[in-house]
Amino acid sequence: MGGSFSRGTPPRLGFSSLGSLGQSAPRNSLLAGLGGPSPSTQGLSSLASLFVKPVRRRAFFSFHFEDIMRVNNVRQSWRTHSTGTILVPSFTDSSLWESKQLEGSDALKKLIREGVEHTSAVCVLAGSETWLRRWVKYEIARAVIDNRGLLTVHINGLNHHQRRIPDRLGPNPLNFLAVGQDEFGRFYLFEKFAVATGYAYPQYRWEWRRYEDYTHAISLPAYLARPAPGYVTPLSTGAPEYCFATDNGSKNIGLWIDRAAQMVGR
């Protein structure tokens, strides 16, 4: 299954061989081509409804602004199922810094940190290019740093507002961030990069690097398997993943966020 992780053979922090992007499948399925399809998420919503007692919480929605019309569908569903009011809204999201006049990355990090602080879970609304966005990655990182629930909800299955058809699901952004353990037993965030190895006919290989926007040691999230020293565990191996369209997100979004929050004790 795409995006799976073999605990017996986890990826090294260094290089892993890979063919041209989007072509032959690598040895470890986590190292799939950047443009490859996301795994099917059928049936996950039913698991959430079986095991989670609904407790409406505040959520942080992380997304790429190019997907705003699809994002609005999710926002509206969350408003329907949540207990927020005008004075105490039920969600915060990436638009919290869209209208701000910020100078430098430190100011933006501070605003994101404060936005995530008062929520129980970070819900990544994944479109085609969400995984590429620096500040989406930082919002994901804050979920790990601050011990918030974390989940991915694919939104490309919703009809495009102009073309009126759905699109192929984009990559899960949680495939590209991981927790690694060093030789002293400390845990750090890592980010996966595609590194070019050729010129005339570019070839690529993946490299796990220390995440540059947060370099301090962190606690291992409750939903992740403990990596061996010198290895990483991608966030996608433990955090839930759903498709808003096929998993009936308009009905189940509240249960999904509750489940993610409960996985970290919130």
C-alpha atoms as a PDB file:
ATOM      1  CA  MET A   1       0.000   0.000   0.000  1.00  0.00           C
ATOM      2  CA  GLY A   2       1.433   3.393  -0.950  1.00  0.00           C
ATOM      3  CA  GLY A   3       2.682   5.416   1.990  1.00  0.00           C
ATOM      4  CA  SER A   4       3.193   2.388   4.226  1.00  0.00           C
ATOM      5  CA  PHE A   5       6.263   2.026   6.399  1.00  0.00           C
ATOM      6  CA  SER A   6       8.048  -1.191   7.234  1.00  0.00           C
ATOM      7  CA  ARG A   7       9.210  -0.995  10.807  1.00  0.00           C
ATOM      8  CA  GLY A   8      11.814  -3.639  10.097  1.00  0.00           C
ATOM      9  CA  THR A   9      13.444  -1.620   7.301  1.00  0.00           C
ATOM     10  CA  PRO A  10      12.889   2.073   8.020  1.00  0.00           C
ATOM     11  CA  PRO A  11      14.506   4.683   5.768  1.00  0.00           C
ATOM     12  CA  ARG A  12      17.944   5.982   6.744  1.00  0.00           C
ATOM     13  CA  LEU A  13      18.515   9.652   7.521  1.00  0.00           C
ATOM     14  CA  GLY A  14      20.884   9.811   4.534  1.00  0.00           C
ATOM     15  CA  PHE A  15      20.341   9.103   0.838  1.00  0.00           C
ATOM     16  CA  SER A  16      18.120   6.468  -0.713  1.00  0.00           C
ATOM     17  CA  SER A  17      18.420   5.544  -4.375  1.00  0.00           C
ATOM     18  CA  LEU A  18      15.552   6.581  -6.645  1.00  0.00           C
ATOM     19  CA  GLY A  19      14.879   6.631 -10.373  1.00  0.00           C
ATOM     20  CA  SER A  20      13.382   9.524 -12.279  1.00  0.00           C
ATOM     21  CA  LEU A  21      10.539  11.226 -10.462  1.00  0.00           C
ATOM     22  CA  GLY A  22       7.189   9.631 -11.097  1.00  0.00           C
ATOM     23  CA  GLN A  23       8.650   6.526 -12.765  1.00  0.00           C
ATOM     24  CA  SER A  24       9.830   3.220 -11.330  1.00  0.00           C
ATOM     25  CA  ALA A  25       8.754   2.472  -7.780  1.00  0.00           C
ATOM     26  CA  PRO A  26      11.551   2.630  -5.191  1.00  0.00           C
ATOM     27  CA  ARG A  27      12.363  -0.151  -2.757  1.00  0.00           C
ATOM     28  CA  ASN A  28      10.627   1.626   0.131  1.00  0.00           C
ATOM     29  CA  SER A  29       7.124   2.713  -0.829  1.00  0.00           C
ATOM     30  CA  LEU A  30       7.497   5.920   1.184  1.00  0.00           C
ATOM     31  CA  LEU A  31       9.934   7.055  -1.477  1.00  0.00           C
ATOM     32  CA  ALA A  32       7.269   7.125  -4.174  1.00  0.00           C
ATOM     33  CA  GLY A  33       7.415   9.675  -6.994  1.00  0.00           C
ATOM     34  CA  LEU A  34       6.391  13.193  -6.037  1.00  0.00           C
ATOM     35  CA  GLY A  35       3.460  13.097  -8.443  1.00  0.00           C
ATOM     36  CA  GLY A  36       2.203   9.656  -7.474  1.00  0.00           C
ATOM     37  CA  PRO A  37      -1.347   9.083  -6.277  1.00  0.00           C
ATOM     38  CA  SER A  38      -2.214   8.995  -2.600  1.00  0.00           C
ATOM     39  CA  PRO A  39      -3.429   5.748  -1.029  1.00  0.00           C
ATOM     40  CA  SER A  40      -7.080   4.865  -0.879  1.00  0.00           C
ATOM     41  CA  THR A  41      -8.685   5.836   2.385  1.00  0.00           C
ATOM     42  CA  GLN A  42     -11.907   3.883   2.084  1.00  0.00           C
ATOM     43  CA  GLY A  43     -13.234   2.542   5.361  1.00  0.00           C
ATOM     44  CA  LEU A  44     -11.302   4.801   7.731  1.00  0.00           C
ATOM     45  CA  SER A  45     -14.321   6.927   8.507  1.00  0.00           C
ATOM     46  CA  SER A  46     -16.215   3.895   9.778  1.00  0.00           C
ATOM     47  CA  LEU A  47     -13.359   3.083  12.148  1.00  0.00           C
ATOM     48  CA  ALA A  48     -13.540   6.599  13.554  1.00  0.00           C
ATOM     49  CA  SER A  49     -17.272   6.306  14.201  1.00  0.00           C
ATOM     50  CA  LEU A  50     -16.805   2.980  15.968  1.00  0.00           C
ATOM     51  CA  PHE A  51     -14.067   3.965  18.384  1.00  0.00           C
ATOM     52  CA  VAL A  52     -14.385   7.687  19.045  1.00  0.00           C
ATOM     53  CA  LYS A  53     -16.858   9.357  21.340  1.00  0.00           C
ATOM     54  CA  PRO A  54     -17.557  12.773  19.776  1.00  0.00           C
ATOM     55  CA  VAL A  55     -16.194  15.718  21.772  1.00  0.00           C
ATOM     56  CA  ARG A  56     -16.289  18.885  19.722  1.00  0.00           C
ATOM     57  CA  ARG A  57     -12.950  20.670  19.816  1.00  0.00           C
ATOM     58  CA  ARG A  58     -11.255  23.628  18.144  1.00  0.00           C
ATOM     59  CA  ALA A  59      -9.337  22.681  15.030  1.00  0.00           C
ATOM     60  CA  PHE A  60      -6.560  24.326  13.041  1.00  0.00           C
ATOM     61  CA  PHE A  61      -6.978  23.886   9.267  1.00  0.00           C
ATOM     62  CA  SER A  62      -3.719  23.956   7.302  1.00  0.00           C
ATOM     63  CA  PHE A  63      -3.950  24.401   3.513  1.00  0.00           C
ATOM     64  CA  HIS A  64      -2.595  25.989   0.338  1.00  0.00           C
ATOM     65  CA  PHE A  65      -4.496  29.156  -0.658  1.00  0.00           C
ATOM     66  CA  GLU A  66      -4.918  27.910  -4.224  1.00  0.00           C
ATOM     67  CA  ASP A  67      -7.415  25.403  -2.787  1.00  0.00           C
ATOM     68  CA  ILE A  68      -9.536  27.972  -0.956  1.00  0.00           C
ATOM     69  CA  MET A  69     -12.831  27.101  -2.683  1.00  0.00           C
ATOM     70  CA  ARG A  70     -12.552  23.431  -1.709  1.00  0.00           C
ATOM     71  CA  VAL A  71     -11.325  24.442   1.729  1.00  0.00           C
ATOM     72  CA  ASN A  72     -14.507  26.458   2.224  1.00  0.00           C
ATOM     73  CA  ASN A  73     -16.546  23.268   1.809  1.00  0.00           C
ATOM     74  CA  VAL A  74     -14.678  21.717   4.731  1.00  0.00           C
ATOM     75  CA  ARG A  75     -14.938  24.857   6.835  1.00  0.00           C
ATOM     76  CA  GLN A  76     -18.693  24.921   6.378  1.00  0.00           C
ATOM     77  CA  SER A  77     -19.038  21.262   7.354  1.00  0.00           C
ATOM     78  CA  TRP A  78     -16.966  21.854  10.480  1.00  0.00           C
ATOM     79  CA  ARG A  79     -19.136  24.829  11.432  1.00  0.00           C
ATOM     80  CA  THR A  80     -22.201  22.621  11.112  1.00  0.00           C
ATOM     81  CA  HIS A  81     -20.832  19.928  13.436  1.00  0.00           C
ATOM     82  CA  SER A  82     -18.973  22.121  15.952  1.00  0.00           C
ATOM     83  CA  THR A  83     -20.152  24.141  18.936  1.00  0.00           C
ATOM     84  CA  GLY A  84     -18.352  27.379  18.106  1.00  0.00           C
ATOM     85  CA  THR A  85     -19.890  30.830  18.353  1.00  0.00           C
ATOM     86  CA  ILE A  86     -19.093  34.226  16.878  1.00  0.00           C
ATOM     87  CA  LEU A  87     -17.139  35.127  20.015  1.00  0.00           C
ATOM     88  CA  VAL A  88     -15.437  31.727  20.356  1.00  0.00           C
ATOM     89  CA  PRO A  89     -14.967  30.262  16.864  1.00  0.00           C
ATOM     90  CA  SER A  90     -14.598  26.517  16.447  1.00  0.00           C
ATOM     91  CA  PHE A  91     -11.556  26.667  14.181  1.00  0.00           C
ATOM     92  CA  THR A  92      -8.458  28.625  13.266  1.00  0.00           C
ATOM     93  CA  ASP A  93      -6.640  28.208   9.972  1.00  0.00           C
ATOM     94  CA  SER A  94      -3.897  29.355   7.643  1.00  0.00           C
ATOM     95  CA  SER A  95      -5.874  32.467   6.708  1.00  0.00           C
ATOM     96  CA  LEU A  96      -5.014  33.869  10.148  1.00  0.00           C
ATOM     97  CA  TRP A  97      -1.832  35.356   8.638  1.00  0.00           C
ATOM     98  CA  GLU A  98      -3.082  36.029   5.090  1.00  0.00           C
ATOM     99  CA  SER A  99      -4.169  39.597   5.852  1.00  0.00           C
ATOM    100  CA  LYS A 100      -1.322  40.418   8.231  1.00  0.00           C
ATOM    101  CA  GLN A 101       1.520  42.711   7.256  1.00  0.00           C
ATOM    102  CA  LEU A 102       4.404  40.614   8.565  1.00  0.00           C
ATOM    103  CA  GLU A 103       8.110  41.265   8.316  1.00  0.00           C
ATOM    104  CA  GLY A 104      10.286  38.188   8.298  1.00  0.00           C
ATOM    105  CA  SER A 105       9.729  34.519   9.023  1.00  0.00           C
ATOM    106  CA  ASP A 106       9.996  34.914  12.803  1.00  0.00           C
ATOM    107  CA  ALA A 107       6.847  37.038  12.906  1.00  0.00           C
ATOM    108  CA  LEU A 108       4.989  34.500  10.793  1.00  0.00           C
ATOM    109  CA  LYS A 109       6.168  31.599  12.953  1.00  0.00           C
ATOM    110  CA  LYS A 110       4.946  33.436  16.043  1.00  0.00           C
ATOM    111  CA  LEU A 111       1.501  33.962  14.541  1.00  0.00           C
ATOM    112  CA  ILE A 112       1.215  30.315  13.487  1.00  0.00           C
ATOM    113  CA  ARG A 113       2.412  29.171  16.907  1.00  0.00           C
ATOM    114  CA  GLU A 114      -0.254  31.273  18.607  1.00  0.00           C
ATOM    115  CA  GLY A 115      -2.899  30.004  16.182  1.00  0.00           C
ATOM    116  CA  VAL A 116      -2.144  26.340  16.867  1.00  0.00           C
ATOM    117  CA  GLU A 117      -1.762  26.911  20.616  1.00  0.00           C
ATOM    118  CA  HIS A 118      -5.484  27.158  21.336  1.00  0.00           C
ATOM    119  CA  THR A 119      -6.586  24.185  19.237  1.00  0.00           C
ATOM    120  CA  SER A 120      -6.717  20.438  19.860  1.00  0.00           C
ATOM    121  CA  ALA A 121      -5.719  19.180  16.410  1.00  0.00           C
ATOM    122  CA  VAL A 122      -4.147  20.326  13.155  1.00  0.00           C
ATOM    123  CA  CYS A 123      -6.095  19.126  10.114  1.00  0.00           C
ATOM    124  CA  VAL A 124      -4.118  19.298   6.868  1.00  0.00           C
ATOM    125  CA  LEU A 125      -6.420  19.854   3.885  1.00  0.00           C
ATOM    126  CA  ALA A 126      -4.369  18.318   1.091  1.00  0.00           C
ATOM    127  CA  GLY A 127      -4.651  19.485  -2.504  1.00  0.00           C
ATOM    128  CA  SER A 128      -2.242  18.997  -5.383  1.00  0.00           C
ATOM    129  CA  GLU A 129       0.618  21.199  -4.136  1.00  0.00           C
ATOM    130  CA  THR A 130      -0.036  21.455  -0.409  1.00  0.00           C
ATOM    131  CA  TRP A 131       2.970  19.272   0.373  1.00  0.00           C
ATOM    132  CA  LEU A 132       5.285  21.880  -1.220  1.00  0.00           C
ATOM    133  CA  ARG A 133       4.292  24.820   0.973  1.00  0.00           C
ATOM    134  CA  ARG A 134       6.825  25.891   3.584  1.00  0.00           C
ATOM    135  CA  TRP A 135       4.278  27.240   6.036  1.00  0.00           C
ATOM    136  CA  VAL A 136       1.996  24.238   5.751  1.00  0.00           C
ATOM    137  CA  LYS A 137       5.016  22.194   6.848  1.00  0.00           C
ATOM    138  CA  TYR A 138       5.558  24.533   9.776  1.00  0.00           C
ATOM    139  CA  GLU A 139       1.919  24.223  10.820  1.00  0.00           C
ATOM    140  CA  ILE A 140       2.353  20.435  10.726  1.00  0.00           C
ATOM    141  CA  ALA A 141       5.550  20.759  12.739  1.00  0.00           C
ATOM    142  CA  ARG A 142       3.745  22.809  15.374  1.00  0.00           C
ATOM    143  CA  ALA A 143       1.245  19.977  15.827  1.00  0.00           C
ATOM    144  CA  VAL A 144       4.151  17.685  16.716  1.00  0.00           C
ATOM    145  CA  ILE A 145       6.009  20.241  18.822  1.00  0.00           C
ATOM    146  CA  ASP A 146       2.900  21.257  20.795  1.00  0.00           C
ATOM    147  CA  ASN A 147       1.446  17.741  21.115  1.00  0.00           C
ATOM    148  CA  ARG A 148      -1.678  18.439  19.070  1.00  0.00           C
ATOM    149  CA  GLY A 149      -3.637  15.864  17.137  1.00  0.00           C
ATOM    150  CA  LEU A 150      -2.676  15.565  13.477  1.00  0.00           C
ATOM    151  CA  LEU A 151      -4.542  14.266  10.432  1.00  0.00           C
ATOM    152  CA  THR A 152      -4.721  14.666   6.657  1.00  0.00           C
ATOM    153  CA  VAL A 153      -7.976  15.160   4.761  1.00  0.00           C
ATOM    154  CA  HIS A 154      -7.694  15.056   0.967  1.00  0.00           C
ATOM    155  CA  ILE A 155      -9.900  17.641  -0.762  1.00  0.00           C
ATOM    156  CA  ASN A 156      -9.131  17.070  -4.458  1.00  0.00           C
ATOM    157  CA  GLY A 157     -12.050  14.657  -4.603  1.00  0.00           C
ATOM    158  CA  LEU A 158     -14.399  17.648  -4.375  1.00  0.00           C
ATOM    159  CA  ASN A 159     -15.441  19.252  -7.643  1.00  0.00           C
ATOM    160  CA  HIS A 160     -13.286  22.146  -8.799  1.00  0.00           C
ATOM    161  CA  HIS A 161     -15.243  25.405  -8.607  1.00  0.00           C
ATOM    162  CA  GLN A 162     -14.632  26.212 -12.301  1.00  0.00           C
ATOM    163  CA  ARG A 163     -14.119  22.876 -14.050  1.00  0.00           C
ATOM    164  CA  ARG A 164     -16.862  21.184 -11.986  1.00  0.00           C
ATOM    165  CA  ILE A 165     -14.945  17.910 -11.750  1.00  0.00           C
ATOM    166  CA  PRO A 166     -12.702  16.362  -9.081  1.00  0.00           C
ATOM    167  CA  ASP A 167      -8.935  16.013  -9.460  1.00  0.00           C
ATOM    168  CA  ARG A 168      -6.495  13.248  -8.716  1.00  0.00           C
ATOM    169  CA  LEU A 169      -5.586  13.189  -5.013  1.00  0.00           C
ATOM    170  CA  GLY A 170      -2.371  15.013  -4.210  1.00  0.00           C
ATOM    171  CA  PRO A 171       0.515  13.639  -2.129  1.00  0.00           C
ATOM    172  CA  ASN A 172       0.001  13.404   1.614  1.00  0.00           C
ATOM    173  CA  PRO A 173       2.093  16.234   3.135  1.00  0.00           C
ATOM    174  CA  LEU A 174       2.765  14.027   6.157  1.00  0.00           C
ATOM    175  CA  ASN A 175       4.866  11.746   3.926  1.00  0.00           C
ATOM    176  CA  PHE A 176       7.477  14.500   3.791  1.00  0.00           C
ATOM    177  CA  LEU A 177       7.995  15.171   7.499  1.00  0.00           C
ATOM    178  CA  ALA A 178       9.302  12.630   9.980  1.00  0.00           C
ATOM    179  CA  VAL A 179      10.659  12.149  13.478  1.00  0.00           C
ATOM    180  CA  GLY A 180      14.192  10.766  13.761  1.00  0.00           C
ATOM    181  CA  GLN A 181      16.228   9.576  16.706  1.00  0.00           C
ATOM    182  CA  ASP A 182      19.936  10.353  17.138  1.00  0.00           C
ATOM    183  CA  GLU A 183      22.552   8.208  18.873  1.00  0.00           C
ATOM    184  CA  PHE A 184      21.828   9.891  22.217  1.00  0.00           C
ATOM    185  CA  GLY A 185      18.128   8.987  22.197  1.00  0.00           C
ATOM    186  CA  ARG A 186      16.899  12.468  21.326  1.00  0.00           C
ATOM    187  CA  PHE A 187      14.130  13.035  18.772  1.00  0.00           C
ATOM    188  CA  TYR A 188      14.144  15.670  16.040  1.00  0.00           C
ATOM    189  CA  LEU A 189      11.998  16.666  13.083  1.00  0.00           C
ATOM    190  CA  PHE A 190      13.212  15.727   9.591  1.00  0.00           C
ATOM    191  CA  GLU A 191      12.112  16.788   6.115  1.00  0.00           C
ATOM    192  CA  LYS A 192      12.375  14.769   2.894  1.00  0.00           C
ATOM    193  CA  PHE A 193      13.981  16.347  -0.176  1.00  0.00           C
ATOM    194  CA  ALA A 194      14.379  15.197  -3.777  1.00  0.00           C
ATOM    195  CA  VAL A 195      18.000  15.732  -4.789  1.00  0.00           C
ATOM    196  CA  ALA A 196      19.008  15.848  -8.480  1.00  0.00           C
ATOM    197  CA  THR A 197      21.846  13.495  -9.406  1.00  0.00           C
ATOM    198  CA  GLY A 198      22.041  13.986 -13.199  1.00  0.00           C
ATOM    199  CA  TYR A 199      22.091  16.781 -15.759  1.00  0.00           C
ATOM    200  CA  ALA A 200      21.087  15.790 -19.317  1.00  0.00           C
ATOM    201  CA  TYR A 201      18.510  13.305 -18.016  1.00  0.00           C
ATOM    202  CA  PRO A 202      17.920  14.282 -14.387  1.00  0.00           C
ATOM    203  CA  GLN A 203      17.700  11.470 -11.891  1.00  0.00           C
ATOM    204  CA  TYR A 204      16.644  11.977  -8.315  1.00  0.00           C
ATOM    205  CA  ARG A 205      17.184  10.433  -4.950  1.00  0.00           C
ATOM    206  CA  TRP A 206      15.538  11.207  -1.638  1.00  0.00           C
ATOM    207  CA  GLU A 207      17.375  12.616   1.334  1.00  0.00           C
ATOM    208  CA  TRP A 208      16.088  13.069   4.888  1.00  0.00           C
ATOM    209  CA  ARG A 209      17.462  16.295   6.369  1.00  0.00           C
ATOM    210  CA  ARG A 210      16.984  17.940   9.740  1.00  0.00           C
ATOM    211  CA  TYR A 211      14.007  20.266   9.548  1.00  0.00           C
ATOM    212  CA  GLU A 212      15.433  23.776   9.389  1.00  0.00           C
ATOM    213  CA  ASP A 213      12.439  25.748  10.694  1.00  0.00           C
ATOM    214  CA  TYR A 214      12.613  23.988  14.077  1.00  0.00           C
ATOM    215  CA  THR A 215      15.895  22.438  15.193  1.00  0.00           C
ATOM    216  CA  HIS A 216      15.277  21.710  18.889  1.00  0.00           C
ATOM    217  CA  ALA A 217      14.646  18.258  20.322  1.00  0.00           C
ATOM    218  CA  ILE A 218      10.994  17.186  20.522  1.00  0.00           C
ATOM    219  CA  SER A 219       8.917  14.483  22.207  1.00  0.00           C
ATOM    220  CA  LEU A 220       7.901  11.424  20.196  1.00  0.00           C
ATOM    221  CA  PRO A 221       4.192  11.721  19.285  1.00  0.00           C
ATOM    222  CA  ALA A 222       1.986   9.043  20.842  1.00  0.00           C
ATOM    223  CA  TYR A 223       0.746   7.884  17.421  1.00  0.00           C
ATOM    224  CA  LEU A 224       4.234   7.172  16.009  1.00  0.00           C
ATOM    225  CA  ALA A 225       6.380   4.050  16.317  1.00  0.00           C
ATOM    226  CA  ARG A 226       9.741   4.748  17.947  1.00  0.00           C
ATOM    227  CA  PRO A 227      12.462   4.906  15.257  1.00  0.00           C
ATOM    228  CA  ALA A 228      15.774   3.188  15.820  1.00  0.00           C
ATOM    229  CA  PRO A 229      18.807   5.471  16.288  1.00  0.00           C
ATOM    230  CA  GLY A 230      19.823   6.820  12.878  1.00  0.00           C
ATOM    231  CA  TYR A 231      16.395   6.220  11.356  1.00  0.00           C
ATOM    232  CA  VAL A 232      13.180   8.196  10.891  1.00  0.00           C
ATOM    233  CA  THR A 233       9.485   7.446  11.194  1.00  0.00           C
ATOM    234  CA  PRO A 234       7.348   9.535   8.783  1.00  0.00           C
ATOM    235  CA  LEU A 235       4.334  11.253  10.340  1.00  0.00           C
ATOM    236  CA  SER A 236       2.037   9.629   7.787  1.00  0.00           C
ATOM    237  CA  THR A 237       2.667   6.183   9.288  1.00  0.00           C
ATOM    238  CA  GLY A 238       0.728   7.068  12.439  1.00  0.00           C
ATOM    239  CA  ALA A 239      -1.482  10.075  11.740  1.00  0.00           C
ATOM    240  CA  PRO A 240      -4.912   9.307  10.191  1.00  0.00           C
ATOM    241  CA  GLU A 241      -5.620  10.060   6.530  1.00  0.00           C
ATOM    242  CA  TYR A 242      -9.027  10.502   4.885  1.00  0.00           C
ATOM    243  CA  CYS A 243     -10.659  11.661   1.665  1.00  0.00           C
ATOM    244  CA  PHE A 244     -13.353  14.276   2.244  1.00  0.00           C
ATOM    245  CA  ALA A 245     -15.364  13.166  -0.793  1.00  0.00           C
ATOM    246  CA  THR A 246     -15.246   9.365  -0.594  1.00  0.00           C
ATOM    247  CA  ASP A 247     -15.177   9.061   3.211  1.00  0.00           C
ATOM    248  CA  ASN A 248     -18.245  11.285   3.710  1.00  0.00           C
ATOM    249  CA  GLY A 249     -16.331  14.152   5.244  1.00  0.00           C
ATOM    250  CA  SER A 250     -19.391  16.395   5.467  1.00  0.00           C
ATOM    251  CA  LYS A 251     -20.721  13.982   8.078  1.00  0.00           C
ATOM    252  CA  ASN A 252     -17.522  12.651   9.662  1.00  0.00           C
ATOM    253  CA  ILE A 253     -15.127  15.616   9.856  1.00  0.00           C
ATOM    254  CA  GLY A 254     -15.939  16.134  13.527  1.00  0.00           C
ATOM    255  CA  LEU A 255     -15.286  12.480  14.379  1.00  0.00           C
ATOM    256  CA  TRP A 256     -11.973  12.531  12.514  1.00  0.00           C
ATOM    257  CA  ILE A 257     -10.722  15.558  14.408  1.00  0.00           C
ATOM    258  CA  ASP A 258     -11.932  14.105  17.712  1.00  0.00           C
ATOM    259  CA  ARG A 259     -10.083  10.878  16.988  1.00  0.00           C
ATOM    260  CA  ALA A 260      -6.833  12.684  16.130  1.00  0.00           C
ATOM    261  CA  ALA A 261      -7.048  14.747  19.314  1.00  0.00           C
ATOM    262  CA  GLN A 262      -7.699  11.676  21.448  1.00  0.00           C
ATOM    263  CA  MET A 263      -4.644   9.942  19.987  1.00  0.00           C
ATOM    264  CA  VAL A 264      -2.448  12.502  21.790  1.00  0.00           C
ATOM    265  CA  GLY A 265      -4.573  12.638  24.943  1.00  0.00           C
ATOM    266  CA  ARG A 266      -6.610  15.759  24.166  1.00  0.00           C
END
